[in-house]
């Protein structure tokens, strides 16, 4: 009988890698009795370890039913549901973006992860190249790497990071973020965020509701956009009445053009202007980013720091989230 992922997770959490030494880690892999991939300490990892020879053991969890983003997200979500039923809610969840642990890259469809943080080891459910993986790792090297990315340079941290109020997170550090210095930078960061968002929220089972305000678009910093994503990404626009060019000229539609948006906003006039960007694998991130920024600038937003992510977006269920990869202020 094949071992369930829940049983494998319990075995990994109980495993002893003897400080992740060469002999201890190899013995752990042999005792596991199934396929696994070890990541040895190399030049990208050595600055963050303290005697470990390896920084992770990754084990395939489930083969997706297809190769597309929807199939990958569904496989991840199925494993997530199984592990959550067995272990409870993960203490940490997020998305790596294009900068994964120790500068590795993840699959193009999305890079969601969940962590059951512990000492000395942490168990992670991660999106892998061939499907979701269960990853056992020594806790300190990964967290040391993450903390030291908070140096403030553009693109220092990508994706987003969420933690919940859990005793497992005692002592967890949160690095500082970075701020976009040009519209070109914001275009890229928004494009990356929006392209994979519906696949990632589907996988994690946590929707995003993100208002974006624009200083200069009217008195104070009025609401300009509402980004809503569960298993489908839809965006509403709230432009100034006298904006030139008009929203339709920039590419915004109305409810008749995007009827699926009624599932999010059932009032046809609030917001009046909308885009339905589709489900997993469908959003055209660069086009969407250009649309949002062209609209913001037409509305009177003069510089990237005047685009503000609403603080409401920081709460995804029990998780408090920082959207590091956008490079935008939150308020």
C-alpha atoms as a PDB file:
ATOM      1  CA  UNK A   1       0.000   0.000   0.000  1.00  0.00           C
ATOM      2  CA  UNK A   2       1.335   3.436  -0.927  1.00  0.00           C
ATOM      3  CA  UNK A   3       2.226   5.699   1.981  1.00  0.00           C
ATOM      4  CA  UNK A   4      -0.025   8.718   2.395  1.00  0.00           C
ATOM      5  CA  UNK A   5       1.453  12.194   2.410  1.00  0.00           C
ATOM      6  CA  UNK A   6       0.094  12.673   5.916  1.00  0.00           C
ATOM      7  CA  UNK A   7       2.054   9.638   7.146  1.00  0.00           C
ATOM      8  CA  UNK A   8       5.162  10.767   5.265  1.00  0.00           C
ATOM      9  CA  UNK A   9       4.864  14.220   6.837  1.00  0.00           C
ATOM     10  CA  UNK A  10       4.711  12.679  10.315  1.00  0.00           C
ATOM     11  CA  UNK A  11       7.779  10.558   9.582  1.00  0.00           C
ATOM     12  CA  UNK A  12       9.721  13.548   8.295  1.00  0.00           C
ATOM     13  CA  UNK A  13       8.815  15.642  11.337  1.00  0.00           C
ATOM     14  CA  UNK A  14      10.027  12.850  13.614  1.00  0.00           C
ATOM     15  CA  UNK A  15      13.233  12.263  11.655  1.00  0.00           C
ATOM     16  CA  UNK A  16      16.688  12.989  13.032  1.00  0.00           C
ATOM     17  CA  UNK A  17      19.319  14.186  10.556  1.00  0.00           C
ATOM     18  CA  UNK A  18      21.969  14.391  13.293  1.00  0.00           C
ATOM     19  CA  UNK A  19      22.570  18.077  12.710  1.00  0.00           C
ATOM     20  CA  UNK A  20      22.335  17.603   8.935  1.00  0.00           C
ATOM     21  CA  UNK A  21      25.809  16.116   8.840  1.00  0.00           C
ATOM     22  CA  UNK A  22      26.871  14.054   5.828  1.00  0.00           C
ATOM     23  CA  UNK A  23      26.385  10.719   7.608  1.00  0.00           C
ATOM     24  CA  UNK A  24      23.234  11.769   9.472  1.00  0.00           C
ATOM     25  CA  UNK A  25      21.469  13.099   6.393  1.00  0.00           C
ATOM     26  CA  UNK A  26      22.416  10.122   4.230  1.00  0.00           C
ATOM     27  CA  UNK A  27      21.154   7.777   6.942  1.00  0.00           C
ATOM     28  CA  UNK A  28      17.875   9.717   7.099  1.00  0.00           C
ATOM     29  CA  UNK A  29      17.384   9.377   3.333  1.00  0.00           C
ATOM     30  CA  UNK A  30      18.135   5.645   3.456  1.00  0.00           C
ATOM     31  CA  UNK A  31      15.710   5.112   6.335  1.00  0.00           C
ATOM     32  CA  UNK A  32      13.015   6.987   4.440  1.00  0.00           C
ATOM     33  CA  UNK A  33      12.894   4.168   1.916  1.00  0.00           C
ATOM     34  CA  UNK A  34      11.676   6.267  -0.993  1.00  0.00           C
ATOM     35  CA  UNK A  35      12.836   8.725  -3.626  1.00  0.00           C
ATOM     36  CA  UNK A  36      14.229  11.966  -2.294  1.00  0.00           C
ATOM     37  CA  UNK A  37      16.505  14.795  -3.406  1.00  0.00           C
ATOM     38  CA  UNK A  38      19.165  16.290  -1.154  1.00  0.00           C
ATOM     39  CA  UNK A  39      20.453  19.836  -1.519  1.00  0.00           C
ATOM     40  CA  UNK A  40      24.078  20.010  -0.394  1.00  0.00           C
ATOM     41  CA  UNK A  41      25.687  23.141   0.966  1.00  0.00           C
ATOM     42  CA  UNK A  42      27.339  24.948  -1.958  1.00  0.00           C
ATOM     43  CA  UNK A  43      28.518  28.451  -2.623  1.00  0.00           C
ATOM     44  CA  UNK A  44      25.004  29.918  -2.437  1.00  0.00           C
ATOM     45  CA  UNK A  45      24.231  28.200   0.853  1.00  0.00           C
ATOM     46  CA  UNK A  46      27.504  28.305   2.765  1.00  0.00           C
ATOM     47  CA  UNK A  47      27.070  31.831   4.147  1.00  0.00           C
ATOM     48  CA  UNK A  48      23.881  30.786   5.980  1.00  0.00           C
ATOM     49  CA  UNK A  49      24.809  27.474   7.616  1.00  0.00           C
ATOM     50  CA  UNK A  50      26.515  26.506  10.842  1.00  0.00           C
ATOM     51  CA  UNK A  51      28.016  23.081  10.284  1.00  0.00           C
ATOM     52  CA  UNK A  52      25.240  21.565   8.166  1.00  0.00           C
ATOM     53  CA  UNK A  53      26.268  19.567   5.085  1.00  0.00           C
ATOM     54  CA  UNK A  54      22.779  19.743   3.548  1.00  0.00           C
ATOM     55  CA  UNK A  55      19.995  22.321   3.689  1.00  0.00           C
ATOM     56  CA  UNK A  56      17.007  20.263   2.546  1.00  0.00           C
ATOM     57  CA  UNK A  57      15.582  16.881   1.670  1.00  0.00           C
ATOM     58  CA  UNK A  58      12.767  17.094  -0.900  1.00  0.00           C
ATOM     59  CA  UNK A  59      10.365  14.207  -1.542  1.00  0.00           C
ATOM     60  CA  UNK A  60       7.765  14.160  -4.365  1.00  0.00           C
ATOM     61  CA  UNK A  61       4.247  14.278  -2.915  1.00  0.00           C
ATOM     62  CA  UNK A  62       1.774  13.967  -5.805  1.00  0.00           C
ATOM     63  CA  UNK A  63       1.961  13.769  -9.578  1.00  0.00           C
ATOM     64  CA  UNK A  64      -0.397  16.369 -11.120  1.00  0.00           C
ATOM     65  CA  UNK A  65      -3.074  15.200 -13.543  1.00  0.00           C
ATOM     66  CA  UNK A  66      -1.623  17.506 -16.226  1.00  0.00           C
ATOM     67  CA  UNK A  67       1.192  19.928 -16.922  1.00  0.00           C
ATOM     68  CA  UNK A  68      -0.685  23.229 -16.894  1.00  0.00           C
ATOM     69  CA  UNK A  69      -1.045  25.735 -14.091  1.00  0.00           C
ATOM     70  CA  UNK A  70      -4.544  24.560 -13.144  1.00  0.00           C
ATOM     71  CA  UNK A  71      -3.417  20.938 -12.740  1.00  0.00           C
ATOM     72  CA  UNK A  72      -0.344  21.943 -10.757  1.00  0.00           C
ATOM     73  CA  UNK A  73      -2.383  24.179  -8.451  1.00  0.00           C
ATOM     74  CA  UNK A  74      -4.988  21.451  -7.927  1.00  0.00           C
ATOM     75  CA  UNK A  75      -2.307  18.919  -6.966  1.00  0.00           C
ATOM     76  CA  UNK A  76      -0.742  21.333  -4.495  1.00  0.00           C
ATOM     77  CA  UNK A  77      -4.143  22.128  -2.990  1.00  0.00           C
ATOM     78  CA  UNK A  78      -4.963  18.416  -2.588  1.00  0.00           C
ATOM     79  CA  UNK A  79      -1.751  17.813  -0.637  1.00  0.00           C
ATOM     80  CA  UNK A  80      -2.328  20.988   1.370  1.00  0.00           C
ATOM     81  CA  UNK A  81      -5.768  19.781   2.432  1.00  0.00           C
ATOM     82  CA  UNK A  82      -4.395  16.382   3.431  1.00  0.00           C
ATOM     83  CA  UNK A  83      -1.551  17.845   5.489  1.00  0.00           C
ATOM     84  CA  UNK A  84      -3.748  20.478   7.130  1.00  0.00           C
ATOM     85  CA  UNK A  85      -6.184  17.791   8.247  1.00  0.00           C
ATOM     86  CA  UNK A  86      -3.280  15.854   9.779  1.00  0.00           C
ATOM     87  CA  UNK A  87      -1.019  18.613  11.136  1.00  0.00           C
ATOM     88  CA  UNK A  88      -3.330  21.603  11.518  1.00  0.00           C
ATOM     89  CA  UNK A  89      -2.874  24.975   9.831  1.00  0.00           C
ATOM     90  CA  UNK A  90       0.647  25.710   8.675  1.00  0.00           C
ATOM     91  CA  UNK A  91       2.431  28.302  10.791  1.00  0.00           C
ATOM     92  CA  UNK A  92       3.748  30.095   7.680  1.00  0.00           C
ATOM     93  CA  UNK A  93       2.474  30.420   4.125  1.00  0.00           C
ATOM     94  CA  UNK A  94       3.470  32.423   1.120  1.00  0.00           C
ATOM     95  CA  UNK A  95       4.811  32.672  -2.403  1.00  0.00           C
ATOM     96  CA  UNK A  96       8.477  32.781  -3.307  1.00  0.00           C
ATOM     97  CA  UNK A  97       8.168  34.666  -6.589  1.00  0.00           C
ATOM     98  CA  UNK A  98      11.263  34.374  -8.777  1.00  0.00           C
ATOM     99  CA  UNK A  99      13.678  34.292  -5.832  1.00  0.00           C
ATOM    100  CA  UNK A 100      13.426  31.059  -3.879  1.00  0.00           C
ATOM    101  CA  UNK A 101      15.555  29.765  -1.014  1.00  0.00           C
ATOM    102  CA  UNK A 102      19.276  30.353  -1.571  1.00  0.00           C
ATOM    103  CA  UNK A 103      18.502  32.108  -4.883  1.00  0.00           C
ATOM    104  CA  UNK A 104      16.894  29.092  -6.547  1.00  0.00           C
ATOM    105  CA  UNK A 105      14.098  29.586  -9.072  1.00  0.00           C
ATOM    106  CA  UNK A 106      10.730  27.839  -8.921  1.00  0.00           C
ATOM    107  CA  UNK A 107       8.205  26.612 -11.504  1.00  0.00           C
ATOM    108  CA  UNK A 108       6.804  29.204 -13.892  1.00  0.00           C
ATOM    109  CA  UNK A 109       3.154  28.469 -13.003  1.00  0.00           C
ATOM    110  CA  UNK A 110       3.621  29.690  -9.410  1.00  0.00           C
ATOM    111  CA  UNK A 111       5.719  29.246  -6.292  1.00  0.00           C
ATOM    112  CA  UNK A 112       3.383  28.726  -3.307  1.00  0.00           C
ATOM    113  CA  UNK A 113       4.600  27.189  -0.080  1.00  0.00           C
ATOM    114  CA  UNK A 114       3.375  26.265   3.394  1.00  0.00           C
ATOM    115  CA  UNK A 115       5.590  25.655   6.411  1.00  0.00           C
ATOM    116  CA  UNK A 116       5.093  23.831   9.662  1.00  0.00           C
ATOM    117  CA  UNK A 117       7.907  25.577  11.512  1.00  0.00           C
ATOM    118  CA  UNK A 118       9.788  23.739  14.222  1.00  0.00           C
ATOM    119  CA  UNK A 119      13.126  23.363  15.965  1.00  0.00           C
ATOM    120  CA  UNK A 120      15.574  22.207  14.783  1.00  0.00           C
ATOM    121  CA  UNK A 121      13.703  21.320  11.569  1.00  0.00           C
ATOM    122  CA  UNK A 122      10.862  22.739   9.508  1.00  0.00           C
ATOM    123  CA  UNK A 123       8.549  20.842   7.167  1.00  0.00           C
ATOM    124  CA  UNK A 124       7.527  22.638   3.993  1.00  0.00           C
ATOM    125  CA  UNK A 125       5.034  21.889   1.244  1.00  0.00           C
ATOM    126  CA  UNK A 126       6.546  23.515  -1.821  1.00  0.00           C
ATOM    127  CA  UNK A 127       5.718  23.745  -5.518  1.00  0.00           C
ATOM    128  CA  UNK A 128       8.350  21.707  -7.349  1.00  0.00           C
ATOM    129  CA  UNK A 129       9.247  21.324 -10.987  1.00  0.00           C
ATOM    130  CA  UNK A 130       7.282  18.065 -11.325  1.00  0.00           C
ATOM    131  CA  UNK A 131       4.573  18.731  -8.741  1.00  0.00           C
ATOM    132  CA  UNK A 132       4.239  19.475  -5.025  1.00  0.00           C
ATOM    133  CA  UNK A 133       7.046  18.305  -2.779  1.00  0.00           C
ATOM    134  CA  UNK A 134       7.447  17.722   0.939  1.00  0.00           C
ATOM    135  CA  UNK A 135      10.663  19.371   2.039  1.00  0.00           C
ATOM    136  CA  UNK A 136      12.394  18.791   5.367  1.00  0.00           C
ATOM    137  CA  UNK A 137      14.982  21.438   6.163  1.00  0.00           C
ATOM    138  CA  UNK A 138      17.029  22.709   9.087  1.00  0.00           C
ATOM    139  CA  UNK A 139      15.198  25.807  10.255  1.00  0.00           C
ATOM    140  CA  UNK A 140      18.083  28.210  10.796  1.00  0.00           C
ATOM    141  CA  UNK A 141      19.791  28.277   7.366  1.00  0.00           C
ATOM    142  CA  UNK A 142      16.584  29.097   5.463  1.00  0.00           C
ATOM    143  CA  UNK A 143      15.559  31.794   7.939  1.00  0.00           C
ATOM    144  CA  UNK A 144      19.076  33.245   7.991  1.00  0.00           C
ATOM    145  CA  UNK A 145      18.957  33.515   4.204  1.00  0.00           C
ATOM    146  CA  UNK A 146      15.546  35.185   4.236  1.00  0.00           C
ATOM    147  CA  UNK A 147      16.444  37.652   6.957  1.00  0.00           C
ATOM    148  CA  UNK A 148      19.568  38.797   5.139  1.00  0.00           C
ATOM    149  CA  UNK A 149      17.639  39.631   1.974  1.00  0.00           C
ATOM    150  CA  UNK A 150      16.217  42.651   3.792  1.00  0.00           C
ATOM    151  CA  UNK A 151      19.001  44.944   2.584  1.00  0.00           C
ATOM    152  CA  UNK A 152      16.636  47.287   0.748  1.00  0.00           C
ATOM    153  CA  UNK A 153      17.908  47.002  -2.822  1.00  0.00           C
ATOM    154  CA  UNK A 154      15.286  46.699  -5.555  1.00  0.00           C
ATOM    155  CA  UNK A 155      13.958  43.143  -5.980  1.00  0.00           C
ATOM    156  CA  UNK A 156      15.782  41.983  -2.826  1.00  0.00           C
ATOM    157  CA  UNK A 157      12.769  39.845  -1.877  1.00  0.00           C
ATOM    158  CA  UNK A 158      10.060  38.600  -4.221  1.00  0.00           C
ATOM    159  CA  UNK A 159       6.621  37.088  -3.648  1.00  0.00           C
ATOM    160  CA  UNK A 160       4.857  37.465  -0.314  1.00  0.00           C
ATOM    161  CA  UNK A 161       5.264  36.077   3.195  1.00  0.00           C
ATOM    162  CA  UNK A 162       2.552  35.363   5.753  1.00  0.00           C
ATOM    163  CA  UNK A 163       2.715  34.117   9.326  1.00  0.00           C
ATOM    164  CA  UNK A 164      -0.001  33.445  11.862  1.00  0.00           C
ATOM    165  CA  UNK A 165      -0.214  33.859  15.621  1.00  0.00           C
ATOM    166  CA  UNK A 166       1.230  30.474  16.540  1.00  0.00           C
ATOM    167  CA  UNK A 167       3.646  29.398  19.299  1.00  0.00           C
ATOM    168  CA  UNK A 168       5.726  27.790  16.545  1.00  0.00           C
ATOM    169  CA  UNK A 169       6.557  31.270  15.270  1.00  0.00           C
ATOM    170  CA  UNK A 170       8.150  32.548  18.466  1.00  0.00           C
ATOM    171  CA  UNK A 171      11.452  34.169  17.492  1.00  0.00           C
ATOM    172  CA  UNK A 172      10.550  34.365  13.799  1.00  0.00           C
ATOM    173  CA  UNK A 173      12.260  37.307  12.110  1.00  0.00           C
ATOM    174  CA  UNK A 174      10.700  39.505   9.429  1.00  0.00           C
ATOM    175  CA  UNK A 175      13.206  41.260   7.144  1.00  0.00           C
ATOM    176  CA  UNK A 176      12.770  44.795   5.923  1.00  0.00           C
ATOM    177  CA  UNK A 177      11.363  45.367   2.474  1.00  0.00           C
ATOM    178  CA  UNK A 178      12.388  47.465  -0.500  1.00  0.00           C
ATOM    179  CA  UNK A 179      10.797  50.284  -2.491  1.00  0.00           C
ATOM    180  CA  UNK A 180      10.483  50.581  -6.248  1.00  0.00           C
ATOM    181  CA  UNK A 181      12.373  53.569  -7.606  1.00  0.00           C
ATOM    182  CA  UNK A 182      10.920  53.686 -11.125  1.00  0.00           C
ATOM    183  CA  UNK A 183       7.764  52.930 -13.058  1.00  0.00           C
ATOM    184  CA  UNK A 184       9.734  50.306 -14.965  1.00  0.00           C
ATOM    185  CA  UNK A 185      10.443  48.471 -11.708  1.00  0.00           C
ATOM    186  CA  UNK A 186       6.781  48.590 -10.671  1.00  0.00           C
ATOM    187  CA  UNK A 187       5.705  47.310 -14.082  1.00  0.00           C
ATOM    188  CA  UNK A 188       7.920  44.265 -13.656  1.00  0.00           C
ATOM    189  CA  UNK A 189       6.968  43.565 -10.050  1.00  0.00           C
ATOM    190  CA  UNK A 190       3.234  43.927 -10.746  1.00  0.00           C
ATOM    191  CA  UNK A 191       3.502  41.746 -13.852  1.00  0.00           C
ATOM    192  CA  UNK A 192       5.217  38.985 -11.886  1.00  0.00           C
ATOM    193  CA  UNK A 193       2.656  39.204  -9.083  1.00  0.00           C
ATOM    194  CA  UNK A 194      -0.440  39.157 -11.287  1.00  0.00           C
ATOM    195  CA  UNK A 195       0.720  36.508 -13.787  1.00  0.00           C
ATOM    196  CA  UNK A 196       0.710  33.644 -11.289  1.00  0.00           C
ATOM    197  CA  UNK A 197      -1.694  34.943  -8.637  1.00  0.00           C
ATOM    198  CA  UNK A 198      -4.817  32.838  -9.423  1.00  0.00           C
ATOM    199  CA  UNK A 199      -2.774  29.634  -9.543  1.00  0.00           C
ATOM    200  CA  UNK A 200      -1.155  30.481  -6.217  1.00  0.00           C
ATOM    201  CA  UNK A 201      -4.338  31.492  -4.399  1.00  0.00           C
ATOM    202  CA  UNK A 202      -6.010  28.327  -5.708  1.00  0.00           C
ATOM    203  CA  UNK A 203      -3.113  26.227  -4.430  1.00  0.00           C
ATOM    204  CA  UNK A 204      -2.988  27.909  -1.030  1.00  0.00           C
ATOM    205  CA  UNK A 205      -6.761  28.123  -0.591  1.00  0.00           C
ATOM    206  CA  UNK A 206      -6.360  31.763   0.515  1.00  0.00           C
ATOM    207  CA  UNK A 207      -7.883  34.540  -1.602  1.00  0.00           C
ATOM    208  CA  UNK A 208      -6.300  37.959  -2.031  1.00  0.00           C
ATOM    209  CA  UNK A 209      -8.352  41.124  -1.647  1.00  0.00           C
ATOM    210  CA  UNK A 210      -6.086  44.086  -2.340  1.00  0.00           C
ATOM    211  CA  UNK A 211      -7.218  47.708  -2.568  1.00  0.00           C
ATOM    212  CA  UNK A 212      -4.672  50.060  -4.115  1.00  0.00           C
ATOM    213  CA  UNK A 213      -4.829  53.791  -3.376  1.00  0.00           C
ATOM    214  CA  UNK A 214      -3.299  56.641  -5.367  1.00  0.00           C
ATOM    215  CA  UNK A 215      -1.864  59.782  -3.819  1.00  0.00           C
ATOM    216  CA  UNK A 216      -2.463  62.597  -6.317  1.00  0.00           C
ATOM    217  CA  UNK A 217      -5.565  61.019  -7.849  1.00  0.00           C
ATOM    218  CA  UNK A 218      -7.823  63.248  -5.752  1.00  0.00           C
ATOM    219  CA  UNK A 219      -8.138  64.516  -2.179  1.00  0.00           C
ATOM    220  CA  UNK A 220      -5.969  62.425   0.116  1.00  0.00           C
ATOM    221  CA  UNK A 221      -5.207  59.105  -1.495  1.00  0.00           C
ATOM    222  CA  UNK A 222      -8.453  57.786  -3.006  1.00  0.00           C
ATOM    223  CA  UNK A 223      -9.123  54.184  -3.955  1.00  0.00           C
ATOM    224  CA  UNK A 224      -7.950  53.513  -7.523  1.00  0.00           C
ATOM    225  CA  UNK A 225      -8.027  49.730  -7.914  1.00  0.00           C
ATOM    226  CA  UNK A 226      -9.335  46.646  -6.199  1.00  0.00           C
ATOM    227  CA  UNK A 227      -7.485  43.430  -7.007  1.00  0.00           C
ATOM    228  CA  UNK A 228      -9.510  40.343  -6.098  1.00  0.00           C
ATOM    229  CA  UNK A 229      -8.268  36.821  -6.644  1.00  0.00           C
ATOM    230  CA  UNK A 230      -9.515  33.445  -5.471  1.00  0.00           C
ATOM    231  CA  UNK A 231      -9.558  30.945  -8.332  1.00  0.00           C
ATOM    232  CA  UNK A 232      -9.891  33.827 -10.811  1.00  0.00           C
ATOM    233  CA  UNK A 233      -8.216  37.244 -11.010  1.00  0.00           C
ATOM    234  CA  UNK A 234     -10.494  40.250 -11.444  1.00  0.00           C
ATOM    235  CA  UNK A 235      -9.588  43.918 -11.075  1.00  0.00           C
ATOM    236  CA  UNK A 236     -11.894  46.872 -10.527  1.00  0.00           C
ATOM    237  CA  UNK A 237     -11.022  50.474 -11.300  1.00  0.00           C
ATOM    238  CA  UNK A 238     -12.267  53.653  -9.580  1.00  0.00           C
ATOM    239  CA  UNK A 239     -10.909  56.479 -11.781  1.00  0.00           C
ATOM    240  CA  UNK A 240     -11.432  60.212 -11.215  1.00  0.00           C
ATOM    241  CA  UNK A 241     -14.478  61.469 -13.118  1.00  0.00           C
ATOM    242  CA  UNK A 242     -12.391  63.836 -15.215  1.00  0.00           C
ATOM    243  CA  UNK A 243      -9.545  61.443 -16.022  1.00  0.00           C
ATOM    244  CA  UNK A 244      -8.083  61.830 -19.506  1.00  0.00           C
ATOM    245  CA  UNK A 245      -7.760  59.494 -21.348  1.00  0.00           C
ATOM    246  CA  UNK A 246     -10.976  57.800 -20.354  1.00  0.00           C
ATOM    247  CA  UNK A 247     -10.862  54.263 -18.866  1.00  0.00           C
ATOM    248  CA  UNK A 248     -12.329  52.605 -21.964  1.00  0.00           C
ATOM    249  CA  UNK A 249      -9.558  54.113 -24.084  1.00  0.00           C
ATOM    250  CA  UNK A 250      -6.966  52.552 -21.814  1.00  0.00           C
ATOM    251  CA  UNK A 251      -8.546  49.084 -21.957  1.00  0.00           C
ATOM    252  CA  UNK A 252     -11.049  48.882 -19.095  1.00  0.00           C
ATOM    253  CA  UNK A 253     -14.417  47.241 -19.715  1.00  0.00           C
ATOM    254  CA  UNK A 254     -17.783  47.125 -17.989  1.00  0.00           C
ATOM    255  CA  UNK A 255     -19.870  44.300 -16.580  1.00  0.00           C
ATOM    256  CA  UNK A 256     -21.243  43.398 -20.020  1.00  0.00           C
ATOM    257  CA  UNK A 257     -17.663  42.879 -21.183  1.00  0.00           C
ATOM    258  CA  UNK A 258     -16.650  40.863 -18.114  1.00  0.00           C
ATOM    259  CA  UNK A 259     -19.786  39.155 -16.723  1.00  0.00           C
ATOM    260  CA  UNK A 260     -17.791  36.833 -14.436  1.00  0.00           C
ATOM    261  CA  UNK A 261     -16.836  39.861 -12.325  1.00  0.00           C
ATOM    262  CA  UNK A 262     -20.401  39.889 -10.958  1.00  0.00           C
ATOM    263  CA  UNK A 263     -19.330  37.040  -8.672  1.00  0.00           C
ATOM    264  CA  UNK A 264     -17.110  39.565  -6.870  1.00  0.00           C
ATOM    265  CA  UNK A 265     -19.047  42.831  -7.391  1.00  0.00           C
ATOM    266  CA  UNK A 266     -22.770  42.353  -7.923  1.00  0.00           C
ATOM    267  CA  UNK A 267     -23.403  46.107  -8.264  1.00  0.00           C
ATOM    268  CA  UNK A 268     -22.874  46.881 -11.955  1.00  0.00           C
ATOM    269  CA  UNK A 269     -21.785  50.439 -11.145  1.00  0.00           C
ATOM    270  CA  UNK A 270     -19.418  49.836  -8.229  1.00  0.00           C
ATOM    271  CA  UNK A 271     -16.864  49.480  -9.656  1.00  0.00           C
ATOM    272  CA  UNK A 272     -18.058  50.553 -13.055  1.00  0.00           C
ATOM    273  CA  UNK A 273     -14.760  49.684 -14.784  1.00  0.00           C
ATOM    274  CA  UNK A 274     -13.386  46.148 -14.652  1.00  0.00           C
ATOM    275  CA  UNK A 275     -11.077  43.519 -16.099  1.00  0.00           C
ATOM    276  CA  UNK A 276     -11.474  39.747 -15.875  1.00  0.00           C
ATOM    277  CA  UNK A 277      -7.936  38.364 -16.168  1.00  0.00           C
ATOM    278  CA  UNK A 278      -8.879  34.684 -15.880  1.00  0.00           C
ATOM    279  CA  UNK A 279      -7.917  31.664 -13.815  1.00  0.00           C
ATOM    280  CA  UNK A 280      -4.677  29.762 -13.243  1.00  0.00           C
ATOM    281  CA  UNK A 281      -2.204  30.258 -16.075  1.00  0.00           C
ATOM    282  CA  UNK A 282      -4.368  32.801 -17.905  1.00  0.00           C
ATOM    283  CA  UNK A 283      -3.477  36.337 -16.700  1.00  0.00           C
ATOM    284  CA  UNK A 284      -1.261  38.381 -19.011  1.00  0.00           C
ATOM    285  CA  UNK A 285       0.709  39.985 -16.260  1.00  0.00           C
ATOM    286  CA  UNK A 286       2.677  42.524 -18.252  1.00  0.00           C
ATOM    287  CA  UNK A 287      -0.408  43.826 -20.060  1.00  0.00           C
ATOM    288  CA  UNK A 288      -2.285  44.096 -16.771  1.00  0.00           C
ATOM    289  CA  UNK A 289       0.597  45.926 -15.099  1.00  0.00           C
ATOM    290  CA  UNK A 290       0.823  48.392 -17.972  1.00  0.00           C
ATOM    291  CA  UNK A 291      -2.941  48.976 -17.790  1.00  0.00           C
ATOM    292  CA  UNK A 292      -2.872  49.676 -14.049  1.00  0.00           C
ATOM    293  CA  UNK A 293       0.107  52.006 -14.223  1.00  0.00           C
ATOM    294  CA  UNK A 294      -1.128  53.900 -17.281  1.00  0.00           C
ATOM    295  CA  UNK A 295      -4.398  54.429 -15.408  1.00  0.00           C
ATOM    296  CA  UNK A 296      -2.648  55.518 -12.225  1.00  0.00           C
ATOM    297  CA  UNK A 297      -0.516  58.052 -14.059  1.00  0.00           C
ATOM    298  CA  UNK A 298      -3.510  59.379 -16.008  1.00  0.00           C
ATOM    299  CA  UNK A 299      -5.316  59.776 -12.669  1.00  0.00           C
ATOM    300  CA  UNK A 300      -2.511  61.970 -11.310  1.00  0.00           C
ATOM    301  CA  UNK A 301      -0.194  59.557  -9.492  1.00  0.00           C
ATOM    302  CA  UNK A 302       3.270  61.017 -10.075  1.00  0.00           C
ATOM    303  CA  UNK A 303       5.700  58.447  -8.661  1.00  0.00           C
ATOM    304  CA  UNK A 304       5.733  54.791  -7.551  1.00  0.00           C
ATOM    305  CA  UNK A 305       5.756  55.624  -3.836  1.00  0.00           C
ATOM    306  CA  UNK A 306       2.361  57.273  -4.299  1.00  0.00           C
ATOM    307  CA  UNK A 307       0.747  53.918  -5.135  1.00  0.00           C
ATOM    308  CA  UNK A 308      -0.255  52.465  -1.776  1.00  0.00           C
ATOM    309  CA  UNK A 309      -1.391  48.916  -1.029  1.00  0.00           C
ATOM    310  CA  UNK A 310      -4.281  49.026   1.424  1.00  0.00           C
ATOM    311  CA  UNK A 311      -3.600  47.526   4.811  1.00  0.00           C
ATOM    312  CA  UNK A 312      -6.673  45.333   4.415  1.00  0.00           C
ATOM    313  CA  UNK A 313      -4.675  43.193   1.993  1.00  0.00           C
ATOM    314  CA  UNK A 314      -2.294  42.163   4.779  1.00  0.00           C
ATOM    315  CA  UNK A 315      -4.821  39.713   6.224  1.00  0.00           C
ATOM    316  CA  UNK A 316      -5.372  36.418   4.408  1.00  0.00           C
ATOM    317  CA  UNK A 317      -7.418  34.346   6.837  1.00  0.00           C
ATOM    318  CA  UNK A 318      -5.325  33.862  10.000  1.00  0.00           C
ATOM    319  CA  UNK A 319      -2.127  35.010   8.272  1.00  0.00           C
ATOM    320  CA  UNK A 320      -0.564  38.462   8.439  1.00  0.00           C
ATOM    321  CA  UNK A 321       1.044  38.992   5.053  1.00  0.00           C
ATOM    322  CA  UNK A 322       3.778  41.254   3.698  1.00  0.00           C
ATOM    323  CA  UNK A 323       3.785  41.724  -0.077  1.00  0.00           C
ATOM    324  CA  UNK A 324       7.535  42.070  -0.391  1.00  0.00           C
ATOM    325  CA  UNK A 325       7.744  41.545  -4.135  1.00  0.00           C
ATOM    326  CA  UNK A 326       5.631  44.551  -5.134  1.00  0.00           C
ATOM    327  CA  UNK A 327       8.046  47.147  -3.778  1.00  0.00           C
ATOM    328  CA  UNK A 328       5.108  49.413  -2.874  1.00  0.00           C
ATOM    329  CA  UNK A 329       4.260  51.036   0.456  1.00  0.00           C
ATOM    330  CA  UNK A 330       1.385  49.714   2.553  1.00  0.00           C
ATOM    331  CA  UNK A 331      -0.966  51.951   4.460  1.00  0.00           C
END
